[in-house]
Amino acid sequence: MTKEHFENRVKKYIANAKTLDTMDKQQAEAITELKKTLKHVVSMLCECHDIYMSDVGKLERGYNLLSNAFDTEPTEWELDKFAELDIKWPPKSKTKAKGS
C-alpha cells in the first residue's frame, strides 16, 4: 500500500472524529456503543457461526440507542399525540423529506 493510501486513511479518521465532535453526547455514545457491540457480535458469528441470546439483547440495545439518538420520524403514538395537541407534522423546516 502506498503512502497516499495511508495519508487518505489519516484524513478519514480526522474527518470522522470531527463529525463525532459535532454530535451531542447521546448521539456520540450511541454510535460508540453500537460500533463496539457490532464488532463483538460479528466476531462471535465468525468464530462460532452462532450467536448468544445475550448478544441479541446487545444488538437490540445498540439499535435503540442509535434510534433514539437519531430519530427523524415520530411513531404512530406520537403522531396521535401531535394531532391531539394540535402540533403540525411535519414541521415547516422538513421540506420534502419523504417524497423527494
N, C-alpha and C. Protein backbone atom coordinates (compact mmCIF):
# COMPACT_ATOMS: atom_id res chain seq x y z
N MET A 1 0.84 -1.18 0.00
CA MET A 1 0.00 0.00 0.00
C MET A 1 0.88 1.24 0.00
N THR A 2 0.37 2.24 -0.65
CA THR A 2 1.18 3.45 -0.84
C THR A 2 1.04 4.42 0.32
N LYS A 3 1.95 5.36 0.34
CA LYS A 3 1.90 6.43 1.33
C LYS A 3 0.60 7.21 1.18
N GLU A 4 0.17 7.44 -0.06
CA GLU A 4 -1.07 8.16 -0.32
C GLU A 4 -2.27 7.46 0.32
N HIS A 5 -2.28 6.14 0.25
CA HIS A 5 -3.36 5.37 0.86
C HIS A 5 -3.44 5.68 2.36
N PHE A 6 -2.30 5.64 3.03
CA PHE A 6 -2.30 5.87 4.47
C PHE A 6 -2.57 7.33 4.82
N GLU A 7 -2.14 8.25 3.97
CA GLU A 7 -2.48 9.66 4.19
C GLU A 7 -3.99 9.85 4.08
N ASN A 8 -4.61 9.17 3.13
CA ASN A 8 -6.07 9.25 2.99
C ASN A 8 -6.77 8.65 4.20
N ARG A 9 -6.23 7.57 4.76
CA ARG A 9 -6.81 6.98 5.98
C ARG A 9 -6.75 7.98 7.13
N VAL A 10 -5.61 8.66 7.27
CA VAL A 10 -5.46 9.66 8.33
C VAL A 10 -6.52 10.75 8.16
N LYS A 11 -6.71 11.22 6.94
CA LYS A 11 -7.72 12.25 6.67
C LYS A 11 -9.12 11.75 7.03
N LYS A 12 -9.38 10.49 6.72
CA LYS A 12 -10.68 9.90 7.04
C LYS A 12 -10.89 9.86 8.55
N TYR A 13 -9.88 9.41 9.29
CA TYR A 13 -10.01 9.34 10.74
C TYR A 13 -10.24 10.72 11.34
N ILE A 14 -9.53 11.72 10.84
CA ILE A 14 -9.70 13.08 11.34
C ILE A 14 -11.10 13.59 11.03
N ALA A 15 -11.58 13.33 9.81
CA ALA A 15 -12.93 13.77 9.43
C ALA A 15 -13.99 13.08 10.30
N ASN A 16 -13.81 11.78 10.55
CA ASN A 16 -14.76 11.05 11.40
C ASN A 16 -14.77 11.60 12.82
N ALA A 17 -13.59 11.90 13.35
CA ALA A 17 -13.50 12.45 14.71
C ALA A 17 -14.18 13.81 14.77
N LYS A 18 -14.00 14.64 13.74
CA LYS A 18 -14.65 15.95 13.70
C LYS A 18 -16.17 15.79 13.65
N THR A 19 -16.63 14.83 12.88
CA THR A 19 -18.07 14.58 12.79
C THR A 19 -18.62 14.19 14.15
N LEU A 20 -17.94 13.27 14.84
CA LEU A 20 -18.38 12.87 16.18
C LEU A 20 -18.37 14.06 17.13
N ASP A 21 -17.39 14.95 16.98
CA ASP A 21 -17.32 16.13 17.85
C ASP A 21 -18.50 17.07 17.66
N THR A 22 -19.13 17.05 16.48
CA THR A 22 -20.26 17.94 16.23
C THR A 22 -21.57 17.38 16.80
N MET A 23 -21.55 16.11 17.19
CA MET A 23 -22.76 15.47 17.70
C MET A 23 -22.91 15.74 19.19
N ASP A 24 -24.16 15.62 19.66
CA ASP A 24 -24.36 15.74 21.09
C ASP A 24 -23.89 14.45 21.77
N LYS A 25 -23.81 14.49 23.07
CA LYS A 25 -23.26 13.36 23.84
C LYS A 25 -24.03 12.07 23.58
N GLN A 26 -25.35 12.14 23.54
CA GLN A 26 -26.18 10.96 23.32
C GLN A 26 -25.90 10.32 21.96
N GLN A 27 -25.76 11.14 20.94
CA GLN A 27 -25.50 10.62 19.60
C GLN A 27 -24.13 9.95 19.52
N ALA A 28 -23.13 10.61 20.06
CA ALA A 28 -21.77 10.05 20.02
C ALA A 28 -21.70 8.74 20.81
N GLU A 29 -22.33 8.70 21.98
CA GLU A 29 -22.33 7.47 22.78
C GLU A 29 -23.09 6.35 22.07
N ALA A 30 -24.17 6.67 21.39
CA ALA A 30 -24.94 5.66 20.67
C ALA A 30 -24.09 5.03 19.57
N ILE A 31 -23.38 5.85 18.83
CA ILE A 31 -22.53 5.32 17.76
C ILE A 31 -21.40 4.48 18.34
N THR A 32 -20.76 4.97 19.38
CA THR A 32 -19.65 4.24 20.00
C THR A 32 -20.12 2.90 20.55
N GLU A 33 -21.25 2.90 21.24
CA GLU A 33 -21.78 1.67 21.84
C GLU A 33 -22.17 0.67 20.76
N LEU A 34 -22.85 1.12 19.73
CA LEU A 34 -23.28 0.21 18.67
C LEU A 34 -22.08 -0.34 17.90
N LYS A 35 -21.09 0.48 17.66
CA LYS A 35 -19.88 0.01 16.97
C LYS A 35 -19.20 -1.10 17.77
N LYS A 36 -19.08 -0.89 19.09
CA LYS A 36 -18.48 -1.90 19.96
C LYS A 36 -19.29 -3.19 19.95
N THR A 37 -20.61 -3.06 20.04
CA THR A 37 -21.49 -4.22 20.05
C THR A 37 -21.41 -4.98 18.73
N LEU A 38 -21.47 -4.27 17.63
CA LEU A 38 -21.40 -4.92 16.32
C LEU A 38 -20.07 -5.65 16.13
N LYS A 39 -18.98 -5.03 16.58
CA LYS A 39 -17.67 -5.68 16.49
C LYS A 39 -17.68 -7.00 17.25
N HIS A 40 -18.22 -6.98 18.47
CA HIS A 40 -18.26 -8.18 19.29
C HIS A 40 -19.14 -9.27 18.66
N VAL A 41 -20.33 -8.89 18.22
CA VAL A 41 -21.27 -9.86 17.68
C VAL A 41 -20.76 -10.45 16.37
N VAL A 42 -20.21 -9.62 15.51
CA VAL A 42 -19.67 -10.12 14.24
C VAL A 42 -18.50 -11.07 14.51
N SER A 43 -17.66 -10.74 15.47
CA SER A 43 -16.55 -11.62 15.84
C SER A 43 -17.08 -12.97 16.31
N MET A 44 -18.11 -12.96 17.15
CA MET A 44 -18.70 -14.21 17.64
C MET A 44 -19.28 -15.02 16.49
N LEU A 45 -19.97 -14.37 15.59
CA LEU A 45 -20.55 -15.07 14.44
C LEU A 45 -19.47 -15.70 13.58
N CYS A 46 -18.37 -14.98 13.37
CA CYS A 46 -17.28 -15.51 12.55
C CYS A 46 -16.59 -16.70 13.22
N GLU A 47 -16.40 -16.61 14.52
CA GLU A 47 -15.71 -17.68 15.24
C GLU A 47 -16.57 -18.93 15.40
N CYS A 48 -17.81 -18.74 15.77
CA CYS A 48 -18.66 -19.87 16.18
C CYS A 48 -19.78 -20.18 15.19
N HIS A 49 -20.01 -19.30 14.26
CA HIS A 49 -21.17 -19.43 13.37
C HIS A 49 -22.44 -19.57 14.20
N ASP A 50 -22.46 -18.84 15.31
CA ASP A 50 -23.59 -18.86 16.23
C ASP A 50 -23.63 -17.51 16.92
N ILE A 51 -24.72 -17.27 17.61
CA ILE A 51 -24.86 -16.01 18.35
C ILE A 51 -25.56 -16.32 19.68
N TYR A 52 -25.04 -15.73 20.74
CA TYR A 52 -25.66 -15.90 22.04
C TYR A 52 -26.90 -15.03 22.14
N MET A 53 -27.86 -15.47 22.91
CA MET A 53 -29.07 -14.66 23.11
C MET A 53 -28.72 -13.33 23.77
N SER A 54 -27.70 -13.31 24.62
CA SER A 54 -27.30 -12.05 25.24
C SER A 54 -26.79 -11.06 24.19
N ASP A 55 -26.20 -11.60 23.10
CA ASP A 55 -25.75 -10.72 22.02
C ASP A 55 -26.93 -10.13 21.27
N VAL A 56 -28.01 -10.87 21.16
CA VAL A 56 -29.22 -10.34 20.52
C VAL A 56 -29.71 -9.15 21.35
N GLY A 57 -29.69 -9.29 22.65
CA GLY A 57 -30.08 -8.19 23.53
C GLY A 57 -29.17 -6.98 23.37
N LYS A 58 -27.86 -7.23 23.20
CA LYS A 58 -26.92 -6.13 22.99
C LYS A 58 -27.20 -5.42 21.67
N LEU A 59 -27.52 -6.19 20.65
CA LEU A 59 -27.87 -5.59 19.36
C LEU A 59 -29.13 -4.74 19.48
N GLU A 60 -30.10 -5.26 20.20
CA GLU A 60 -31.34 -4.51 20.39
C GLU A 60 -31.07 -3.21 21.14
N ARG A 61 -30.25 -3.28 22.18
CA ARG A 61 -29.91 -2.07 22.93
C ARG A 61 -29.18 -1.08 22.04
N GLY A 62 -28.23 -1.56 21.25
CA GLY A 62 -27.50 -0.68 20.34
C GLY A 62 -28.42 -0.02 19.33
N TYR A 63 -29.34 -0.81 18.79
CA TYR A 63 -30.32 -0.26 17.84
C TYR A 63 -31.16 0.82 18.51
N ASN A 64 -31.63 0.54 19.72
CA ASN A 64 -32.47 1.51 20.42
C ASN A 64 -31.70 2.79 20.76
N LEU A 65 -30.44 2.65 21.17
CA LEU A 65 -29.62 3.84 21.44
C LEU A 65 -29.48 4.69 20.18
N LEU A 66 -29.16 4.02 19.07
CA LEU A 66 -28.97 4.74 17.81
C LEU A 66 -30.28 5.35 17.33
N SER A 67 -31.34 4.59 17.44
CA SER A 67 -32.64 5.07 17.01
C SER A 67 -33.08 6.28 17.83
N ASN A 68 -32.92 6.22 19.14
CA ASN A 68 -33.31 7.34 20.00
C ASN A 68 -32.45 8.57 19.75
N ALA A 69 -31.17 8.37 19.49
CA ALA A 69 -30.27 9.50 19.28
C ALA A 69 -30.48 10.19 17.94
N PHE A 70 -30.98 9.43 16.94
CA PHE A 70 -31.10 9.98 15.59
C PHE A 70 -32.51 9.88 15.04
N ASP A 71 -33.51 9.85 15.89
CA ASP A 71 -34.89 9.80 15.41
C ASP A 71 -35.17 10.96 14.47
N THR A 72 -35.83 10.66 13.36
CA THR A 72 -36.24 11.71 12.43
C THR A 72 -37.72 11.64 12.13
N GLU A 73 -38.35 10.56 12.49
CA GLU A 73 -39.78 10.38 12.23
C GLU A 73 -40.48 9.95 13.52
N PRO A 74 -41.63 10.53 13.80
CA PRO A 74 -42.36 10.14 15.02
C PRO A 74 -43.03 8.78 14.86
N THR A 75 -43.29 8.15 15.99
CA THR A 75 -44.04 6.89 15.98
C THR A 75 -45.51 7.20 15.74
N GLU A 76 -46.29 6.16 15.49
CA GLU A 76 -47.74 6.34 15.32
C GLU A 76 -48.35 6.94 16.58
N TRP A 77 -47.91 6.48 17.74
CA TRP A 77 -48.41 7.00 19.01
C TRP A 77 -48.12 8.50 19.12
N GLU A 78 -46.90 8.88 18.75
CA GLU A 78 -46.54 10.30 18.81
C GLU A 78 -47.37 11.12 17.82
N LEU A 79 -47.61 10.57 16.63
CA LEU A 79 -48.44 11.27 15.65
C LEU A 79 -49.84 11.52 16.20
N ASP A 80 -50.39 10.51 16.89
CA ASP A 80 -51.70 10.68 17.52
C ASP A 80 -51.66 11.80 18.56
N LYS A 81 -50.60 11.83 19.37
CA LYS A 81 -50.46 12.87 20.39
C LYS A 81 -50.28 14.25 19.75
N PHE A 82 -49.52 14.30 18.65
CA PHE A 82 -49.36 15.56 17.94
C PHE A 82 -50.73 16.09 17.52
N ALA A 83 -51.54 15.21 16.93
CA ALA A 83 -52.87 15.61 16.47
C ALA A 83 -53.72 16.07 17.64
N GLU A 84 -53.65 15.31 18.73
CA GLU A 84 -54.42 15.64 19.93
C GLU A 84 -54.03 17.01 20.50
N LEU A 85 -52.75 17.33 20.41
CA LEU A 85 -52.25 18.59 20.97
C LEU A 85 -52.13 19.70 19.92
N ASP A 86 -52.67 19.43 18.72
CA ASP A 86 -52.65 20.39 17.62
C ASP A 86 -51.23 20.82 17.25
N ILE A 87 -50.34 19.85 17.20
CA ILE A 87 -48.96 20.08 16.74
C ILE A 87 -48.89 19.61 15.30
N LYS A 88 -48.43 20.48 14.41
CA LYS A 88 -48.38 20.16 12.99
C LYS A 88 -47.17 19.28 12.66
N TRP A 89 -47.42 18.24 11.88
CA TRP A 89 -46.32 17.39 11.40
C TRP A 89 -46.51 17.17 9.92
N PRO A 90 -45.48 17.27 9.12
CA PRO A 90 -44.11 17.62 9.51
C PRO A 90 -43.97 19.11 9.74
N PRO A 91 -42.96 19.49 10.53
CA PRO A 91 -42.74 20.92 10.73
C PRO A 91 -42.32 21.57 9.42
N LYS A 92 -42.48 22.87 9.33
CA LYS A 92 -42.17 23.58 8.10
C LYS A 92 -40.70 23.41 7.69
N SER A 93 -39.81 23.17 8.64
CA SER A 93 -38.39 23.01 8.31
C SER A 93 -38.11 21.71 7.57
N LYS A 94 -39.04 20.76 7.62
CA LYS A 94 -38.86 19.50 6.91
C LYS A 94 -39.45 19.65 5.51
N THR A 95 -38.63 19.95 4.55
CA THR A 95 -39.12 20.15 3.20
C THR A 95 -38.90 18.90 2.36
N LYS A 96 -39.96 18.30 1.94
CA LYS A 96 -39.95 17.14 1.06
C LYS A 96 -39.04 16.02 1.57
N ALA A 97 -39.05 15.78 2.88
CA ALA A 97 -38.19 14.75 3.46
C ALA A 97 -38.54 13.36 2.95
N LYS A 98 -39.83 13.07 2.81
CA LYS A 98 -40.22 11.73 2.40
C LYS A 98 -40.38 11.60 0.88
N GLY A 99 -40.90 12.61 0.23
CA GLY A 99 -41.27 12.48 -1.16
C GLY A 99 -40.18 12.83 -2.16
N SER A 100 -39.03 13.28 -1.73
CA SER A 100 -38.05 13.72 -2.71
C SER A 100 -37.10 12.66 -3.14
